[in-house]
Amino acid sequence: MSTVKVGMIGAGAIAGDHCRGVQKHAKGEVVAIADVSRERASQVAQEFGATKIFSKWEDMIADPDIDAVAVALPNFL
């Protein structure tokens, strides 16, 4: 099995837990963060080594290099 490249939708408090969960898997890699706040997305991307930042989740899921996404948003969203 090759590396699973994961994009994270949302960069709030729970996103860090999701990113750590992905990184615990031997084949998991967080490669992208999408958030309406580019600044917040940049901070999470830097912390977890993601190289791609998106302001719109739609743009992120259109990226052919991303294998899976995790949704780290509040339930009401």
N, C-alpha and C. Protein backbone atom coordinates (compact mmCIF):
# COMPACT_ATOMS: atom_id res chain seq x y z
N MET A 1 0.85 -1.19 0.00
CA MET A 1 0.00 0.00 0.00
C MET A 1 0.88 1.24 0.00
N SER A 2 0.56 2.18 -0.88
CA SER A 2 1.32 3.42 -0.93
C SER A 2 0.79 4.40 0.10
N THR A 3 1.46 5.52 0.21
CA THR A 3 1.05 6.56 1.15
C THR A 3 -0.33 7.10 0.78
N VAL A 4 -1.16 7.31 1.80
CA VAL A 4 -2.48 7.92 1.61
C VAL A 4 -2.33 9.40 1.91
N LYS A 5 -2.49 10.22 0.90
CA LYS A 5 -2.34 11.67 1.03
C LYS A 5 -3.69 12.28 1.41
N VAL A 6 -3.73 12.89 2.59
CA VAL A 6 -4.98 13.37 3.17
C VAL A 6 -5.04 14.89 3.16
N GLY A 7 -6.19 15.41 2.79
CA GLY A 7 -6.48 16.83 2.90
C GLY A 7 -7.43 17.05 4.07
N MET A 8 -7.21 18.09 4.82
CA MET A 8 -8.02 18.40 6.00
C MET A 8 -8.94 19.57 5.66
N ILE A 9 -10.24 19.38 5.84
CA ILE A 9 -11.20 20.47 5.66
C ILE A 9 -11.46 21.06 7.03
N GLY A 10 -11.01 22.27 7.23
CA GLY A 10 -11.11 22.93 8.52
C GLY A 10 -9.76 22.96 9.22
N ALA A 11 -9.47 24.07 9.88
CA ALA A 11 -8.19 24.23 10.58
C ALA A 11 -8.41 24.73 12.00
N GLY A 12 -9.57 24.42 12.56
CA GLY A 12 -9.86 24.83 13.93
C GLY A 12 -9.29 23.85 14.94
N ALA A 13 -9.80 23.91 16.15
CA ALA A 13 -9.24 23.15 17.27
C ALA A 13 -9.17 21.66 17.03
N ILE A 14 -10.20 21.06 16.46
CA ILE A 14 -10.22 19.61 16.29
C ILE A 14 -9.33 19.14 15.14
N ALA A 15 -8.97 20.05 14.24
CA ALA A 15 -8.14 19.68 13.09
C ALA A 15 -6.80 19.09 13.53
N GLY A 16 -6.22 19.63 14.59
CA GLY A 16 -4.96 19.10 15.09
C GLY A 16 -5.08 17.63 15.50
N ASP A 17 -6.18 17.30 16.16
CA ASP A 17 -6.41 15.90 16.54
C ASP A 17 -6.53 15.01 15.32
N HIS A 18 -7.24 15.48 14.32
CA HIS A 18 -7.39 14.71 13.09
C HIS A 18 -6.03 14.53 12.40
N CYS A 19 -5.25 15.58 12.33
CA CYS A 19 -3.93 15.51 11.70
C CYS A 19 -3.02 14.54 12.44
N ARG A 20 -3.03 14.60 13.76
CA ARG A 20 -2.22 13.66 14.54
C ARG A 20 -2.67 12.23 14.29
N GLY A 21 -3.97 12.02 14.17
CA GLY A 21 -4.49 10.68 13.87
C GLY A 21 -3.99 10.17 12.53
N VAL A 22 -4.00 11.02 11.53
CA VAL A 22 -3.50 10.63 10.21
C VAL A 22 -2.02 10.28 10.31
N GLN A 23 -1.26 11.11 11.01
CA GLN A 23 0.18 10.90 11.10
C GLN A 23 0.55 9.64 11.89
N LYS A 24 -0.32 9.19 12.76
CA LYS A 24 -0.04 7.96 13.52
C LYS A 24 -0.05 6.73 12.63
N HIS A 25 -0.78 6.80 11.53
CA HIS A 25 -0.82 5.67 10.61
C HIS A 25 0.46 5.67 9.78
N ALA A 26 1.09 4.54 9.66
CA ALA A 26 2.37 4.44 8.96
C ALA A 26 2.30 4.94 7.52
N LYS A 27 1.16 4.83 6.90
CA LYS A 27 1.03 5.23 5.50
C LYS A 27 0.26 6.54 5.33
N GLY A 28 -0.08 7.22 6.41
CA GLY A 28 -0.84 8.46 6.33
C GLY A 28 0.04 9.69 6.26
N GLU A 29 -0.36 10.65 5.45
CA GLU A 29 0.38 11.91 5.32
C GLU A 29 -0.61 13.05 5.10
N VAL A 30 -0.56 14.07 5.92
CA VAL A 30 -1.39 15.26 5.72
C VAL A 30 -0.67 16.14 4.70
N VAL A 31 -1.31 16.36 3.57
CA VAL A 31 -0.67 17.12 2.49
C VAL A 31 -1.33 18.45 2.20
N ALA A 32 -2.57 18.65 2.70
CA ALA A 32 -3.29 19.88 2.37
C ALA A 32 -4.24 20.26 3.49
N ILE A 33 -4.43 21.57 3.64
CA ILE A 33 -5.38 22.12 4.61
C ILE A 33 -6.26 23.12 3.87
N ALA A 34 -7.56 23.02 4.10
CA ALA A 34 -8.51 24.00 3.53
C ALA A 34 -9.26 24.67 4.67
N ASP A 35 -9.30 25.98 4.65
CA ASP A 35 -10.03 26.73 5.66
C ASP A 35 -10.35 28.11 5.10
N VAL A 36 -11.46 28.68 5.53
CA VAL A 36 -11.82 30.03 5.06
C VAL A 36 -10.80 31.06 5.53
N SER A 37 -10.10 30.77 6.62
CA SER A 37 -9.03 31.64 7.09
C SER A 37 -7.70 31.10 6.57
N ARG A 38 -7.14 31.77 5.59
CA ARG A 38 -5.86 31.32 5.02
C ARG A 38 -4.76 31.33 6.08
N GLU A 39 -4.82 32.29 6.97
CA GLU A 39 -3.82 32.38 8.04
C GLU A 39 -3.87 31.14 8.94
N ARG A 40 -5.08 30.77 9.35
CA ARG A 40 -5.24 29.59 10.20
C ARG A 40 -4.83 28.32 9.45
N ALA A 41 -5.19 28.23 8.17
CA ALA A 41 -4.79 27.07 7.36
C ALA A 41 -3.27 26.99 7.26
N SER A 42 -2.63 28.13 7.10
CA SER A 42 -1.16 28.17 7.01
C SER A 42 -0.50 27.69 8.29
N GLN A 43 -1.07 28.09 9.42
CA GLN A 43 -0.51 27.67 10.71
C GLN A 43 -0.59 26.16 10.89
N VAL A 44 -1.75 25.59 10.58
CA VAL A 44 -1.93 24.14 10.73
C VAL A 44 -1.05 23.40 9.72
N ALA A 45 -0.99 23.92 8.50
CA ALA A 45 -0.15 23.30 7.48
C ALA A 45 1.31 23.27 7.92
N GLN A 46 1.78 24.36 8.47
CA GLN A 46 3.16 24.42 8.93
C GLN A 46 3.40 23.43 10.07
N GLU A 47 2.47 23.36 10.99
CA GLU A 47 2.62 22.46 12.14
C GLU A 47 2.70 20.99 11.73
N PHE A 48 1.95 20.62 10.68
CA PHE A 48 1.87 19.21 10.31
C PHE A 48 2.56 18.89 8.98
N GLY A 49 3.25 19.84 8.42
CA GLY A 49 4.04 19.58 7.23
C GLY A 49 3.26 19.51 5.93
N ALA A 50 2.04 20.03 5.93
CA ALA A 50 1.25 20.05 4.69
C ALA A 50 1.82 21.11 3.76
N THR A 51 1.86 20.79 2.48
CA THR A 51 2.47 21.72 1.52
C THR A 51 1.45 22.51 0.71
N LYS A 52 0.17 22.14 0.83
CA LYS A 52 -0.86 22.83 0.04
C LYS A 52 -1.87 23.47 0.98
N ILE A 53 -2.25 24.71 0.64
CA ILE A 53 -3.22 25.46 1.44
C ILE A 53 -4.31 25.95 0.49
N PHE A 54 -5.55 25.77 0.92
CA PHE A 54 -6.69 26.18 0.11
C PHE A 54 -7.64 27.03 0.95
N SER A 55 -8.26 28.02 0.30
CA SER A 55 -9.28 28.83 0.95
C SER A 55 -10.66 28.23 0.74
N LYS A 56 -10.80 27.37 -0.27
CA LYS A 56 -12.07 26.72 -0.58
C LYS A 56 -11.87 25.21 -0.60
N TRP A 57 -12.71 24.52 0.15
CA TRP A 57 -12.59 23.05 0.17
C TRP A 57 -12.86 22.44 -1.20
N GLU A 58 -13.68 23.12 -2.01
CA GLU A 58 -13.98 22.59 -3.34
C GLU A 58 -12.72 22.52 -4.21
N ASP A 59 -11.85 23.49 -4.05
CA ASP A 59 -10.59 23.48 -4.79
C ASP A 59 -9.69 22.35 -4.30
N MET A 60 -9.71 22.11 -3.01
CA MET A 60 -8.86 21.06 -2.46
C MET A 60 -9.28 19.68 -2.95
N ILE A 61 -10.60 19.41 -2.92
CA ILE A 61 -11.02 18.06 -3.31
C ILE A 61 -10.87 17.82 -4.81
N ALA A 62 -10.70 18.89 -5.58
CA ALA A 62 -10.46 18.75 -7.01
C ALA A 62 -9.00 18.42 -7.32
N ASP A 63 -8.14 18.52 -6.33
CA ASP A 63 -6.70 18.25 -6.52
C ASP A 63 -6.49 16.74 -6.68
N PRO A 64 -5.97 16.30 -7.82
CA PRO A 64 -5.81 14.87 -8.06
C PRO A 64 -4.74 14.20 -7.18
N ASP A 65 -3.92 14.99 -6.51
CA ASP A 65 -2.88 14.43 -5.65
C ASP A 65 -3.40 14.05 -4.27
N ILE A 66 -4.63 14.41 -3.95
CA ILE A 66 -5.20 14.11 -2.64
C ILE A 66 -6.06 12.86 -2.74
N ASP A 67 -5.76 11.88 -1.89
CA ASP A 67 -6.46 10.60 -1.92
C ASP A 67 -7.72 10.57 -1.06
N ALA A 68 -7.70 11.31 0.03
CA ALA A 68 -8.81 11.28 0.99
C ALA A 68 -8.89 12.61 1.70
N VAL A 69 -10.05 12.88 2.30
CA VAL A 69 -10.21 14.09 3.10
C VAL A 69 -10.78 13.74 4.46
N ALA A 70 -10.43 14.55 5.44
CA ALA A 70 -11.03 14.47 6.76
C ALA A 70 -11.75 15.79 6.99
N VAL A 71 -12.95 15.72 7.50
CA VAL A 71 -13.74 16.92 7.75
C VAL A 71 -13.65 17.25 9.23
N ALA A 72 -12.99 18.35 9.54
CA ALA A 72 -12.77 18.77 10.92
C ALA A 72 -13.51 20.07 11.17
N LEU A 73 -14.83 20.01 11.06
CA LEU A 73 -15.68 21.19 11.23
C LEU A 73 -16.67 20.94 12.36
N PRO A 74 -17.18 22.01 12.96
CA PRO A 74 -18.23 21.84 13.95
C PRO A 74 -19.45 21.15 13.33
N ASN A 75 -20.19 20.44 14.13
CA ASN A 75 -21.35 19.69 13.63
C ASN A 75 -22.34 20.56 12.87
N PHE A 76 -22.55 21.81 13.32
CA PHE A 76 -23.55 22.64 12.66
C PHE A 76 -23.16 23.07 11.25
N LEU A 77 -21.89 22.89 10.89
CA LEU A 77 -21.45 23.22 9.54
C LEU A 77 -21.54 22.02 8.62
